[in-house]
Each structure stands twice: as C-alpha cells, then as structure tokens.
Amino acid sequence: MMDNDKEPVKARLDEELRDLRFQGAANVLARTHPRTWAERIRAIWNKEIEIPVVPSGAAVAVLLLMLAIQQTANPDPEQAAPRNRQLVEAGGNTYWKDEFERAVANAENQNQG
C-alpha cells in the first residue's frame, strides 16, 4: 500500500522537475574528488575547521587556573613583602625601613664613585 502512495508523488515530482537541469556536476566532482596534487592541496586548504566551544573553553579555563595556582605557589620574591616591615620617618616623610636603607646605600655608593 505504501508503494502505491509513493508512485503518484514521484511521478508528480518528476513532472515538476523535468525542466530543471544541474550543470555544475563537473565542478562539484572536481572539488569533492580532487585528481591532481594542486587540487588536493587546495581541498585541504579550503577545509572548514570546527572547534568545539565547550572542550576548548574548558581547556582555556584549566590553563588559566594552572597559571593562577603557579603564581600563588611561587610568588615573585621582589614583590613579596616581608611581614615584619617597619616604618621609619626621615626628613618629614615616612618610608619602609628596608627600602630607606637600600636608597641610602645606593646614594652613598653614587657619592663614593
């Protein structure tokens, strides 16, 4: 019974499409089945690359997390402030003691040289 229903539909479709002709078959075949090396390279070059968003986003998130953990585990020693820093006053200004001593030592070295 199904075959009987399909035949009138196919006949009607064939009747409606009899004036349409696809003339780009050679071009499509050349693109889908490259014959020469140049056509093959062009086919590879023109491939669409699909990058899945969720796995690539997860990979970027893991990478950023690893970098953040590494920064907190190994802080830069010059930027890490000692906990027992002291403030000193000199010339009406307030300085960290270690930075003040370093600046004074640099100034003395410049005066000696």
PDB file of N, CA and C in Angstrom:
ATOM      1  N   MET A   1       0.815  -1.180   0.000  1.00  0.00           N
ATOM      2  CA  MET A   1       0.000   0.000   0.000  1.00  0.00           C
ATOM      3  C   MET A   1       0.870   1.261   0.000  1.00  0.00           C
ATOM      4  N   MET A   2       2.046   1.194   0.677  1.00  0.00           N
ATOM      5  CA  MET A   2       2.956   2.324   0.706  1.00  0.00           C
ATOM      6  C   MET A   2       3.504   2.623  -0.681  1.00  0.00           C
ATOM      7  N   ASP A   3       3.814   1.575  -1.454  1.00  0.00           N
ATOM      8  CA  ASP A   3       4.371   1.773  -2.783  1.00  0.00           C
ATOM      9  C   ASP A   3       3.381   2.490  -3.688  1.00  0.00           C
ATOM     10  N   ASN A   4       2.119   2.224  -3.519  1.00  0.00           N
ATOM     11  CA  ASN A   4       1.104   2.885  -4.338  1.00  0.00           C
ATOM     12  C   ASN A   4       1.042   4.383  -4.036  1.00  0.00           C
ATOM     13  N   ASP A   5       1.250   4.747  -2.774  1.00  0.00           N
ATOM     14  CA  ASP A   5       1.229   6.165  -2.402  1.00  0.00           C
ATOM     15  C   ASP A   5       2.465   6.897  -2.913  1.00  0.00           C
ATOM     16  N   LYS A   6       3.596   6.224  -2.965  1.00  0.00           N
ATOM     17  CA  LYS A   6       4.845   6.851  -3.381  1.00  0.00           C
ATOM     18  C   LYS A   6       4.879   7.098  -4.890  1.00  0.00           C
ATOM     19  N   GLU A   7       4.290   6.244  -5.646  1.00  0.00           N
ATOM     20  CA  GLU A   7       4.364   6.386  -7.098  1.00  0.00           C
ATOM     21  C   GLU A   7       3.722   7.667  -7.601  1.00  0.00           C
ATOM     22  N   PRO A   8       2.535   8.042  -7.164  1.00  0.00           N
ATOM     23  CA  PRO A   8       1.979   9.310  -7.658  1.00  0.00           C
ATOM     24  C   PRO A   8       2.809  10.514  -7.219  1.00  0.00           C
ATOM     25  N   VAL A   9       3.394  10.452  -6.023  1.00  0.00           N
ATOM     26  CA  VAL A   9       4.216  11.560  -5.549  1.00  0.00           C
ATOM     27  C   VAL A   9       5.470  11.663  -6.394  1.00  0.00           C
ATOM     28  N   LYS A  10       6.102  10.514  -6.680  1.00  0.00           N
ATOM     29  CA  LYS A  10       7.307  10.523  -7.509  1.00  0.00           C
ATOM     30  C   LYS A  10       6.994  11.007  -8.914  1.00  0.00           C
ATOM     31  N   ALA A  11       5.899  10.554  -9.483  1.00  0.00           N
ATOM     32  CA  ALA A  11       5.526  10.975 -10.830  1.00  0.00           C
ATOM     33  C   ALA A  11       5.270  12.485 -10.858  1.00  0.00           C
ATOM     34  N   ARG A  12       4.615  12.983  -9.843  1.00  0.00           N
ATOM     35  CA  ARG A  12       4.330  14.423  -9.783  1.00  0.00           C
ATOM     36  C   ARG A  12       5.626  15.216  -9.612  1.00  0.00           C
ATOM     37  N   LEU A  13       6.535  14.720  -8.752  1.00  0.00           N
ATOM     38  CA  LEU A  13       7.823  15.378  -8.553  1.00  0.00           C
ATOM     39  C   LEU A  13       8.638  15.377  -9.840  1.00  0.00           C
ATOM     40  N   ASP A  14       8.691  14.234 -10.520  1.00  0.00           N
ATOM     41  CA  ASP A  14       9.403  14.157 -11.795  1.00  0.00           C
ATOM     42  C   ASP A  14       8.826  15.137 -12.809  1.00  0.00           C
ATOM     43  N   GLU A  15       7.538  15.259 -12.829  1.00  0.00           N
ATOM     44  CA  GLU A  15       6.879  16.171 -13.768  1.00  0.00           C
ATOM     45  C   GLU A  15       7.250  17.616 -13.458  1.00  0.00           C
ATOM     46  N   GLU A  16       7.289  17.990 -12.171  1.00  0.00           N
ATOM     47  CA  GLU A  16       7.594  19.362 -11.794  1.00  0.00           C
ATOM     48  C   GLU A  16       9.065  19.705 -12.017  1.00  0.00           C
ATOM     49  N   LEU A  17       9.937  18.723 -11.904  1.00  0.00           N
ATOM     50  CA  LEU A  17      11.375  18.980 -12.008  1.00  0.00           C
ATOM     51  C   LEU A  17      11.963  18.675 -13.384  1.00  0.00           C
ATOM     52  N   ARG A  18      11.149  18.326 -14.369  1.00  0.00           N
ATOM     53  CA  ARG A  18      11.686  17.906 -15.668  1.00  0.00           C
ATOM     54  C   ARG A  18      12.402  19.029 -16.393  1.00  0.00           C
ATOM     55  N   ASP A  19      12.073  20.307 -16.132  1.00  0.00           N
ATOM     56  CA  ASP A  19      12.733  21.414 -16.807  1.00  0.00           C
ATOM     57  C   ASP A  19      14.026  21.850 -16.120  1.00  0.00           C
ATOM     58  N   LEU A  20      14.262  21.379 -14.907  1.00  0.00           N
ATOM     59  CA  LEU A  20      15.462  21.772 -14.173  1.00  0.00           C
ATOM     60  C   LEU A  20      16.610  20.822 -14.490  1.00  0.00           C
ATOM     61  N   ARG A  21      17.766  21.411 -14.795  1.00  0.00           N
ATOM     62  CA  ARG A  21      18.958  20.619 -15.091  1.00  0.00           C
ATOM     63  C   ARG A  21      20.129  21.168 -14.273  1.00  0.00           C
ATOM     64  N   PHE A  22      20.839  20.299 -13.611  1.00  0.00           N
ATOM     65  CA  PHE A  22      22.019  20.676 -12.836  1.00  0.00           C
ATOM     66  C   PHE A  22      23.229  20.595 -13.745  1.00  0.00           C
ATOM     67  N   GLN A  23      23.888  21.746 -13.945  1.00  0.00           N
ATOM     68  CA  GLN A  23      25.000  21.783 -14.893  1.00  0.00           C
ATOM     69  C   GLN A  23      26.357  21.930 -14.209  1.00  0.00           C
ATOM     70  N   GLY A  24      26.410  21.941 -12.910  1.00  0.00           N
ATOM     71  CA  GLY A  24      27.682  22.101 -12.208  1.00  0.00           C
ATOM     72  C   GLY A  24      28.250  20.794 -11.703  1.00  0.00           C
ATOM     73  N   ALA A  25      27.861  19.686 -12.295  1.00  0.00           N
ATOM     74  CA  ALA A  25      28.312  18.377 -11.796  1.00  0.00           C
ATOM     75  C   ALA A  25      29.827  18.227 -11.902  1.00  0.00           C
ATOM     76  N   ALA A  26      30.414  18.665 -13.001  1.00  0.00           N
ATOM     77  CA  ALA A  26      31.863  18.520 -13.179  1.00  0.00           C
ATOM     78  C   ALA A  26      32.617  19.332 -12.123  1.00  0.00           C
ATOM     79  N   ASN A  27      32.137  20.524 -11.831  1.00  0.00           N
ATOM     80  CA  ASN A  27      32.773  21.378 -10.828  1.00  0.00           C
ATOM     81  C   ASN A  27      32.672  20.752  -9.439  1.00  0.00           C
ATOM     82  N   VAL A  28      31.514  20.214  -9.108  1.00  0.00           N
ATOM     83  CA  VAL A  28      31.320  19.573  -7.805  1.00  0.00           C
ATOM     84  C   VAL A  28      32.201  18.332  -7.685  1.00  0.00           C
ATOM     85  N   LEU A  29      32.270  17.538  -8.707  1.00  0.00           N
ATOM     86  CA  LEU A  29      33.117  16.340  -8.679  1.00  0.00           C
ATOM     87  C   LEU A  29      34.591  16.707  -8.549  1.00  0.00           C
ATOM     88  N   ALA A  30      35.019  17.765  -9.210  1.00  0.00           N
ATOM     89  CA  ALA A  30      36.420  18.194  -9.106  1.00  0.00           C
ATOM     90  C   ALA A  30      36.750  18.629  -7.685  1.00  0.00           C
ATOM     91  N   ARG A  31      35.788  19.261  -6.996  1.00  0.00           N
ATOM     92  CA  ARG A  31      36.035  19.699  -5.620  1.00  0.00           C
ATOM     93  C   ARG A  31      35.966  18.552  -4.624  1.00  0.00           C
ATOM     94  N   THR A  32      35.047  17.621  -4.832  1.00  0.00           N
ATOM     95  CA  THR A  32      34.888  16.535  -3.858  1.00  0.00           C
ATOM     96  C   THR A  32      35.851  15.384  -4.094  1.00  0.00           C
ATOM     97  N   HIS A  33      36.316  15.213  -5.310  1.00  0.00           N
ATOM     98  CA  HIS A  33      37.251  14.130  -5.640  1.00  0.00           C
ATOM     99  C   HIS A  33      38.427  14.712  -6.416  1.00  0.00           C
ATOM    100  N   PRO A  34      39.365  15.393  -5.726  1.00  0.00           N
ATOM    101  CA  PRO A  34      40.491  16.013  -6.430  1.00  0.00           C
ATOM    102  C   PRO A  34      41.385  14.968  -7.080  1.00  0.00           C
ATOM    103  N   ARG A  35      41.865  15.299  -8.275  1.00  0.00           N
ATOM    104  CA  ARG A  35      42.701  14.354  -9.032  1.00  0.00           C
ATOM    105  C   ARG A  35      44.180  14.710  -8.960  1.00  0.00           C
ATOM    106  N   THR A  36      44.508  15.978  -9.081  1.00  0.00           N
ATOM    107  CA  THR A  36      45.914  16.384  -9.084  1.00  0.00           C
ATOM    108  C   THR A  36      46.341  16.804  -7.678  1.00  0.00           C
ATOM    109  N   TRP A  37      47.671  16.916  -7.499  1.00  0.00           N
ATOM    110  CA  TRP A  37      48.185  17.332  -6.195  1.00  0.00           C
ATOM    111  C   TRP A  37      47.746  18.755  -5.864  1.00  0.00           C
ATOM    112  N   ALA A  38      47.709  19.618  -6.863  1.00  0.00           N
ATOM    113  CA  ALA A  38      47.287  21.000  -6.624  1.00  0.00           C
ATOM    114  C   ALA A  38      45.832  21.037  -6.147  1.00  0.00           C
ATOM    115  N   GLU A  39      44.977  20.222  -6.746  1.00  0.00           N
ATOM    116  CA  GLU A  39      43.570  20.169  -6.330  1.00  0.00           C
ATOM    117  C   GLU A  39      43.449  19.607  -4.916  1.00  0.00           C
ATOM    118  N   ARG A  40      44.285  18.627  -4.582  1.00  0.00           N
ATOM    119  CA  ARG A  40      44.248  18.051  -3.237  1.00  0.00           C
ATOM    120  C   ARG A  40      44.694  19.061  -2.186  1.00  0.00           C
ATOM    121  N   ILE A  41      45.756  19.804  -2.500  1.00  0.00           N
ATOM    122  CA  ILE A  41      46.228  20.821  -1.560  1.00  0.00           C
ATOM    123  C   ILE A  41      45.170  21.908  -1.399  1.00  0.00           C
ATOM    124  N   ARG A  42      44.555  22.316  -2.500  1.00  0.00           N
ATOM    125  CA  ARG A  42      43.503  23.319  -2.440  1.00  0.00           C
ATOM    126  C   ARG A  42      42.319  22.812  -1.615  1.00  0.00           C
ATOM    127  N   ALA A  43      41.994  21.524  -1.746  1.00  0.00           N
ATOM    128  CA  ALA A  43      40.898  20.943  -0.980  1.00  0.00           C
ATOM    129  C   ALA A  43      41.212  20.941   0.511  1.00  0.00           C
ATOM    130  N   ILE A  44      42.457  20.637   0.880  1.00  0.00           N
ATOM    131  CA  ILE A  44      42.854  20.659   2.287  1.00  0.00           C
ATOM    132  C   ILE A  44      42.829  22.091   2.806  1.00  0.00           C
ATOM    133  N   TRP A  45      43.340  23.038   2.010  1.00  0.00           N
ATOM    134  CA  TRP A  45      43.393  24.439   2.408  1.00  0.00           C
ATOM    135  C   TRP A  45      41.996  25.011   2.633  1.00  0.00           C
ATOM    136  N   ASN A  46      41.023  24.562   1.836  1.00  0.00           N
ATOM    137  CA  ASN A  46      39.668  25.108   1.914  1.00  0.00           C
ATOM    138  C   ASN A  46      38.775  24.369   2.904  1.00  0.00           C
ATOM    139  N   LYS A  47      39.315  23.426   3.643  1.00  0.00           N
ATOM    140  CA  LYS A  47      38.502  22.698   4.617  1.00  0.00           C
ATOM    141  C   LYS A  47      38.044  23.639   5.714  1.00  0.00           C
ATOM    142  N   GLU A  48      36.843  23.432   6.158  1.00  0.00           N
ATOM    143  CA  GLU A  48      36.337  24.198   7.290  1.00  0.00           C
ATOM    144  C   GLU A  48      36.739  23.478   8.574  1.00  0.00           C
ATOM    145  N   ILE A  49      37.304  24.227   9.479  1.00  0.00           N
ATOM    146  CA  ILE A  49      37.732  23.660  10.752  1.00  0.00           C
ATOM    147  C   ILE A  49      36.687  24.032  11.797  1.00  0.00           C
ATOM    148  N   GLU A  50      36.184  23.028  12.469  1.00  0.00           N
ATOM    149  CA  GLU A  50      35.204  23.265  13.521  1.00  0.00           C
ATOM    150  C   GLU A  50      35.873  23.008  14.864  1.00  0.00           C
ATOM    151  N   ILE A  51      35.857  24.019  15.702  1.00  0.00           N
ATOM    152  CA  ILE A  51      36.433  23.898  17.036  1.00  0.00           C
ATOM    153  C   ILE A  51      35.279  23.884  18.033  1.00  0.00           C
ATOM    154  N   PRO A  52      35.114  22.790  18.756  1.00  0.00           N
ATOM    155  CA  PRO A  52      34.020  22.739  19.727  1.00  0.00           C
ATOM    156  C   PRO A  52      34.260  23.740  20.861  1.00  0.00           C
ATOM    157  N   VAL A  53      33.230  24.466  21.208  1.00  0.00           N
ATOM    158  CA  VAL A  53      33.349  25.560  22.166  1.00  0.00           C
ATOM    159  C   VAL A  53      33.548  25.041  23.593  1.00  0.00           C
ATOM    160  N   VAL A  54      32.781  24.065  24.009  1.00  0.00           N
ATOM    161  CA  VAL A  54      32.841  23.618  25.402  1.00  0.00           C
ATOM    162  C   VAL A  54      34.201  22.999  25.739  1.00  0.00           C
ATOM    163  N   PRO A  55      34.721  22.041  24.964  1.00  0.00           N
ATOM    164  CA  PRO A  55      36.034  21.494  25.328  1.00  0.00           C
ATOM    165  C   PRO A  55      37.160  22.520  25.236  1.00  0.00           C
ATOM    166  N   SER A  56      37.128  23.386  24.219  1.00  0.00           N
ATOM    167  CA  SER A  56      38.196  24.383  24.112  1.00  0.00           C
ATOM    168  C   SER A  56      38.084  25.407  25.239  1.00  0.00           C
ATOM    169  N   GLY A  57      36.868  25.779  25.609  1.00  0.00           N
ATOM    170  CA  GLY A  57      36.686  26.689  26.743  1.00  0.00           C
ATOM    171  C   GLY A  57      37.155  26.065  28.044  1.00  0.00           C
ATOM    172  N   ALA A  58      36.886  24.779  28.213  1.00  0.00           N
ATOM    173  CA  ALA A  58      37.341  24.079  29.417  1.00  0.00           C
ATOM    174  C   ALA A  58      38.869  24.014  29.448  1.00  0.00           C
ATOM    175  N   ALA A  59      39.495  23.792  28.306  1.00  0.00           N
ATOM    176  CA  ALA A  59      40.955  23.734  28.253  1.00  0.00           C
ATOM    177  C   ALA A  59      41.560  25.091  28.614  1.00  0.00           C
ATOM    178  N   VAL A  60      40.980  26.166  28.116  1.00  0.00           N
ATOM    179  CA  VAL A  60      41.471  27.503  28.444  1.00  0.00           C
ATOM    180  C   VAL A  60      41.282  27.783  29.934  1.00  0.00           C
ATOM    181  N   ALA A  61      40.146  27.382  30.486  1.00  0.00           N
ATOM    182  CA  ALA A  61      39.895  27.597  31.913  1.00  0.00           C
ATOM    183  C   ALA A  61      40.902  26.831  32.765  1.00  0.00           C
ATOM    184  N   VAL A  62      41.200  25.601  32.396  1.00  0.00           N
ATOM    185  CA  VAL A  62      42.180  24.799  33.147  1.00  0.00           C
ATOM    186  C   VAL A  62      43.556  25.442  33.058  1.00  0.00           C
ATOM    187  N   LEU A  63      43.910  25.932  31.881  1.00  0.00           N
ATOM    188  CA  LEU A  63      45.209  26.586  31.708  1.00  0.00           C
ATOM    189  C   LEU A  63      45.311  27.839  32.577  1.00  0.00           C
ATOM    190  N   LEU A  64      44.272  28.647  32.587  1.00  0.00           N
ATOM    191  CA  LEU A  64      44.279  29.852  33.420  1.00  0.00           C
ATOM    192  C   LEU A  64      44.331  29.499  34.907  1.00  0.00           C
ATOM    193  N   LEU A  65      43.629  28.454  35.301  1.00  0.00           N
ATOM    194  CA  LEU A  65      43.655  28.011  36.694  1.00  0.00           C
ATOM    195  C   LEU A  65      45.052  27.549  37.090  1.00  0.00           C
ATOM    196  N   MET A  66      45.707  26.799  36.199  1.00  0.00           N
ATOM    197  CA  MET A  66      47.064  26.335  36.483  1.00  0.00           C
ATOM    198  C   MET A  66      48.029  27.513  36.619  1.00  0.00           C
ATOM    199  N   LEU A  67      47.879  28.526  35.758  1.00  0.00           N
ATOM    200  CA  LEU A  67      48.743  29.702  35.860  1.00  0.00           C
ATOM    201  C   LEU A  67      48.501  30.457  37.164  1.00  0.00           C
ATOM    202  N   ALA A  68      47.239  30.562  37.567  1.00  0.00           N
ATOM    203  CA  ALA A  68      46.926  31.256  38.815  1.00  0.00           C
ATOM    204  C   ALA A  68      47.499  30.503  40.007  1.00  0.00           C
ATOM    205  N   ILE A  69      47.398  29.197  40.009  1.00  0.00           N
ATOM    206  CA  ILE A  69      47.943  28.392  41.109  1.00  0.00           C
ATOM    207  C   ILE A  69      49.453  28.520  41.159  1.00  0.00           C
ATOM    208  N   GLN A  70      50.090  28.520  39.991  1.00  0.00           N
ATOM    209  CA  GLN A  70      51.539  28.646  39.946  1.00  0.00           C
ATOM    210  C   GLN A  70      51.977  30.013  40.487  1.00  0.00           C
ATOM    211  N   GLN A  71      51.243  31.052  40.157  1.00  0.00           N
ATOM    212  CA  GLN A  71      51.599  32.383  40.655  1.00  0.00           C
ATOM    213  C   GLN A  71      51.460  32.478  42.177  1.00  0.00           C
ATOM    214  N   THR A  72      50.418  31.850  42.725  1.00  0.00           N
ATOM    215  CA  THR A  72      50.240  31.916  44.176  1.00  0.00           C
ATOM    216  C   THR A  72      51.220  31.002  44.903  1.00  0.00           C
ATOM    217  N   ALA A  73      51.610  29.901  44.265  1.00  0.00           N
ATOM    218  CA  ALA A  73      52.546  28.973  44.903  1.00  0.00           C
ATOM    219  C   ALA A  73      53.969  29.515  44.865  1.00  0.00           C
ATOM    220  N   ASN A  74      54.346  30.218  43.803  1.00  0.00           N
ATOM    221  CA  ASN A  74      55.695  30.748  43.642  1.00  0.00           C
ATOM    222  C   ASN A  74      55.633  32.258  43.408  1.00  0.00           C
ATOM    223  N   PRO A  75      55.359  33.047  44.435  1.00  0.00           N
ATOM    224  CA  PRO A  75      55.289  34.497  44.212  1.00  0.00           C
ATOM    225  C   PRO A  75      56.667  35.067  43.914  1.00  0.00           C
ATOM    226  N   ASP A  76      56.691  36.172  43.237  1.00  0.00           N
ATOM    227  CA  ASP A  76      57.930  36.854  42.911  1.00  0.00           C
ATOM    228  C   ASP A  76      58.556  37.369  44.207  1.00  0.00           C
ATOM    229  N   PRO A  77      59.813  36.998  44.516  1.00  0.00           N
ATOM    230  CA  PRO A  77      60.394  37.386  45.801  1.00  0.00           C
ATOM    231  C   PRO A  77      60.534  38.906  45.954  1.00  0.00           C
ATOM    232  N   GLU A  78      60.717  39.645  44.865  1.00  0.00           N
ATOM    233  CA  GLU A  78      60.840  41.095  44.987  1.00  0.00           C
ATOM    234  C   GLU A  78      59.495  41.730  45.308  1.00  0.00           C
ATOM    235  N   GLN A  79      58.406  41.116  44.840  1.00  0.00           N
ATOM    236  CA  GLN A  79      57.092  41.684  45.093  1.00  0.00           C
ATOM    237  C   GLN A  79      56.514  41.203  46.423  1.00  0.00           C
ATOM    238  N   ALA A  80      57.021  40.096  46.932  1.00  0.00           N
ATOM    239  CA  ALA A  80      56.507  39.578  48.199  1.00  0.00           C
ATOM    240  C   ALA A  80      57.064  40.438  49.339  1.00  0.00           C
ATOM    241  N   ALA A  81      56.183  41.052  50.081  1.00  0.00           N
ATOM    242  CA  ALA A  81      56.607  41.933  51.170  1.00  0.00           C
ATOM    243  C   ALA A  81      56.799  41.105  52.436  1.00  0.00           C
ATOM    244  N   PRO A  82      57.922  41.338  53.150  1.00  0.00           N
ATOM    245  CA  PRO A  82      58.093  40.642  54.426  1.00  0.00           C
ATOM    246  C   PRO A  82      57.025  41.096  55.413  1.00  0.00           C
ATOM    247  N   ARG A  83      56.667  40.236  56.311  1.00  0.00           N
ATOM    248  CA  ARG A  83      55.581  40.545  57.246  1.00  0.00           C
ATOM    249  C   ARG A  83      56.019  41.492  58.350  1.00  0.00           C
ATOM    250  N   ASN A  84      57.308  41.559  58.590  1.00  0.00           N
ATOM    251  CA  ASN A  84      57.765  42.376  59.716  1.00  0.00           C
ATOM    252  C   ASN A  84      58.415  43.673  59.232  1.00  0.00           C
ATOM    253  N   ARG A  85      57.839  44.316  58.274  1.00  0.00           N
ATOM    254  CA  ARG A  85      58.375  45.585  57.780  1.00  0.00           C
ATOM    255  C   ARG A  85      58.098  46.680  58.806  1.00  0.00           C
ATOM    256  N   GLN A  86      59.031  47.577  58.877  1.00  0.00           N
ATOM    257  CA  GLN A  86      58.889  48.680  59.825  1.00  0.00           C
ATOM    258  C   GLN A  86      58.884  49.997  59.079  1.00  0.00           C
ATOM    259  N   LEU A  87      58.163  50.947  59.614  1.00  0.00           N
ATOM    260  CA  LEU A  87      58.128  52.283  59.051  1.00  0.00           C
ATOM    261  C   LEU A  87      59.122  53.162  59.786  1.00  0.00           C
ATOM    262  N   VAL A  88      59.815  54.021  59.026  1.00  0.00           N
ATOM    263  CA  VAL A  88      60.735  54.992  59.629  1.00  0.00           C
ATOM    264  C   VAL A  88      60.403  56.361  59.073  1.00  0.00           C
ATOM    265  N   GLU A  89      60.669  57.377  59.896  1.00  0.00           N
ATOM    266  CA  GLU A  89      60.458  58.751  59.442  1.00  0.00           C
ATOM    267  C   GLU A  89      61.807  59.396  59.220  1.00  0.00           C
ATOM    268  N   ALA A  90      61.938  60.051  58.074  1.00  0.00           N
ATOM    269  CA  ALA A  90      63.181  60.752  57.758  1.00  0.00           C
ATOM    270  C   ALA A  90      62.827  61.989  56.948  1.00  0.00           C
ATOM    271  N   GLY A  91      63.269  63.133  57.414  1.00  0.00           N
ATOM    272  CA  GLY A  91      63.032  64.379  56.685  1.00  0.00           C
ATOM    273  C   GLY A  91      61.564  64.722  56.569  1.00  0.00           C
ATOM    274  N   GLY A  92      60.760  64.309  57.514  1.00  0.00           N
ATOM    275  CA  GLY A  92      59.345  64.616  57.498  1.00  0.00           C
ATOM    276  C   GLY A  92      58.520  63.665  56.639  1.00  0.00           C
ATOM    277  N   ASN A  93      59.149  62.642  56.101  1.00  0.00           N
ATOM    278  CA  ASN A  93      58.447  61.645  55.276  1.00  0.00           C
ATOM    279  C   ASN A  93      58.523  60.282  55.932  1.00  0.00           C
ATOM    280  N   THR A  94      57.601  59.397  55.576  1.00  0.00           N
ATOM    281  CA  THR A  94      57.569  58.051  56.130  1.00  0.00           C
ATOM    282  C   THR A  94      57.945  57.054  55.034  1.00  0.00           C
ATOM    283  N   TYR A  95      58.873  56.156  55.373  1.00  0.00           N
ATOM    284  CA  TYR A  95      59.370  55.172  54.411  1.00  0.00           C
ATOM    285  C   TYR A  95      59.370  53.796  55.070  1.00  0.00           C
ATOM    286  N   TRP A  96      59.380  52.751  54.234  1.00  0.00           N
ATOM    287  CA  TRP A  96      59.644  51.414  54.741  1.00  0.00           C
ATOM    288  C   TRP A  96      61.131  51.358  55.064  1.00  0.00           C
ATOM    289  N   LYS A  97      61.468  50.739  56.189  1.00  0.00           N
ATOM    290  CA  LYS A  97      62.851  50.734  56.664  1.00  0.00           C
ATOM    291  C   LYS A  97      63.802  50.078  55.662  1.00  0.00           C
ATOM    292  N   ASP A  98      63.404  48.916  55.099  1.00  0.00           N
ATOM    293  CA  ASP A  98      64.298  48.217  54.176  1.00  0.00           C
ATOM    294  C   ASP A  98      64.507  49.017  52.888  1.00  0.00           C
ATOM    295  N   GLU A  99      63.467  49.681  52.398  1.00  0.00           N
ATOM    296  CA  GLU A  99      63.619  50.479  51.186  1.00  0.00           C
ATOM    297  C   GLU A  99      64.445  51.736  51.464  1.00  0.00           C
ATOM    298  N   PHE A 100      64.258  52.320  52.645  1.00  0.00           N
ATOM    299  CA  PHE A 100      65.032  53.504  53.017  1.00  0.00           C
ATOM    300  C   PHE A 100      66.519  53.166  53.113  1.00  0.00           C
ATOM    301  N   GLU A 101      66.829  52.041  53.743  1.00  0.00           N
ATOM    302  CA  GLU A 101      68.229  51.627  53.873  1.00  0.00           C
ATOM    303  C   GLU A 101      68.846  51.332  52.503  1.00  0.00           C
ATOM    304  N   ARG A 102      68.075  50.724  51.616  1.00  0.00           N
ATOM    305  CA  ARG A 102      68.564  50.437  50.274  1.00  0.00           C
ATOM    306  C   ARG A 102      68.815  51.745  49.501  1.00  0.00           C
ATOM    307  N   ALA A 103      67.898  52.717  49.635  1.00  0.00           N
ATOM    308  CA  ALA A 103      68.079  54.002  48.954  1.00  0.00           C
ATOM    309  C   ALA A 103      69.288  54.750  49.503  1.00  0.00           C
ATOM    310  N   VAL A 104      69.480  54.711  50.820  1.00  0.00           N
ATOM    311  CA  VAL A 104      70.634  55.374  51.427  1.00  0.00           C
ATOM    312  C   VAL A 104      71.925  54.709  50.954  1.00  0.00           C
ATOM    313  N   ALA A 105      71.929  53.372  50.886  1.00  0.00           N
ATOM    314  CA  ALA A 105      73.123  52.661  50.427  1.00  0.00           C
ATOM    315  C   ALA A 105      73.418  52.993  48.966  1.00  0.00           C
ATOM    316  N   ASN A 106      72.415  53.081  48.143  1.00  0.00           N
ATOM    317  CA  ASN A 106      72.628  53.451  46.722  1.00  0.00           C
ATOM    318  C   ASN A 106      73.149  54.881  46.611  1.00  0.00           C
ATOM    319  N   ALA A 107      72.638  55.788  47.419  1.00  0.00           N
ATOM    320  CA  ALA A 107      73.095  57.176  47.386  1.00  0.00           C
ATOM    321  C   ALA A 107      74.551  57.272  47.854  1.00  0.00           C
ATOM    322  N   GLU A 108      74.928  56.520  48.871  1.00  0.00           N
ATOM    323  CA  GLU A 108      76.322  56.518  49.344  1.00  0.00           C
ATOM    324  C   GLU A 108      77.257  55.963  48.284  1.00  0.00           C
ATOM    325  N   ASN A 109      76.811  54.889  47.595  1.00  0.00           N
ATOM    326  CA  ASN A 109      77.641  54.289  46.548  1.00  0.00           C
ATOM    327  C   ASN A 109      77.840  55.268  45.382  1.00  0.00           C
ATOM    328  N   GLN A 110      76.826  56.047  45.072  1.00  0.00           N
ATOM    329  CA  GLN A 110      76.949  57.024  43.978  1.00  0.00           C
ATOM    330  C   GLN A 110      77.873  58.176  44.373  1.00  0.00           C
ATOM    331  N   ASN A 111      77.823  58.560  45.648  1.00  0.00           N
ATOM    332  CA  ASN A 111      78.694  59.646  46.110  1.00  0.00           C
ATOM    333  C   ASN A 111      80.156  59.214  46.166  1.00  0.00           C
ATOM    334  N   GLN A 112      80.387  57.926  46.443  1.00  0.00           N
ATOM    335  CA  GLN A 112      81.760  57.430  46.528  1.00  0.00           C
ATOM    336  C   GLN A 112      82.368  57.238  45.145  1.00  0.00           C
ATOM    337  N   GLY A 113      81.515  56.937  44.149  1.00  0.00           N
ATOM    338  CA  GLY A 113      82.025  56.614  42.822  1.00  0.00           C
ATOM    339  C   GLY A 113      82.236  57.739  41.922  1.00  0.00           C
TER     340      GLY A 113
END
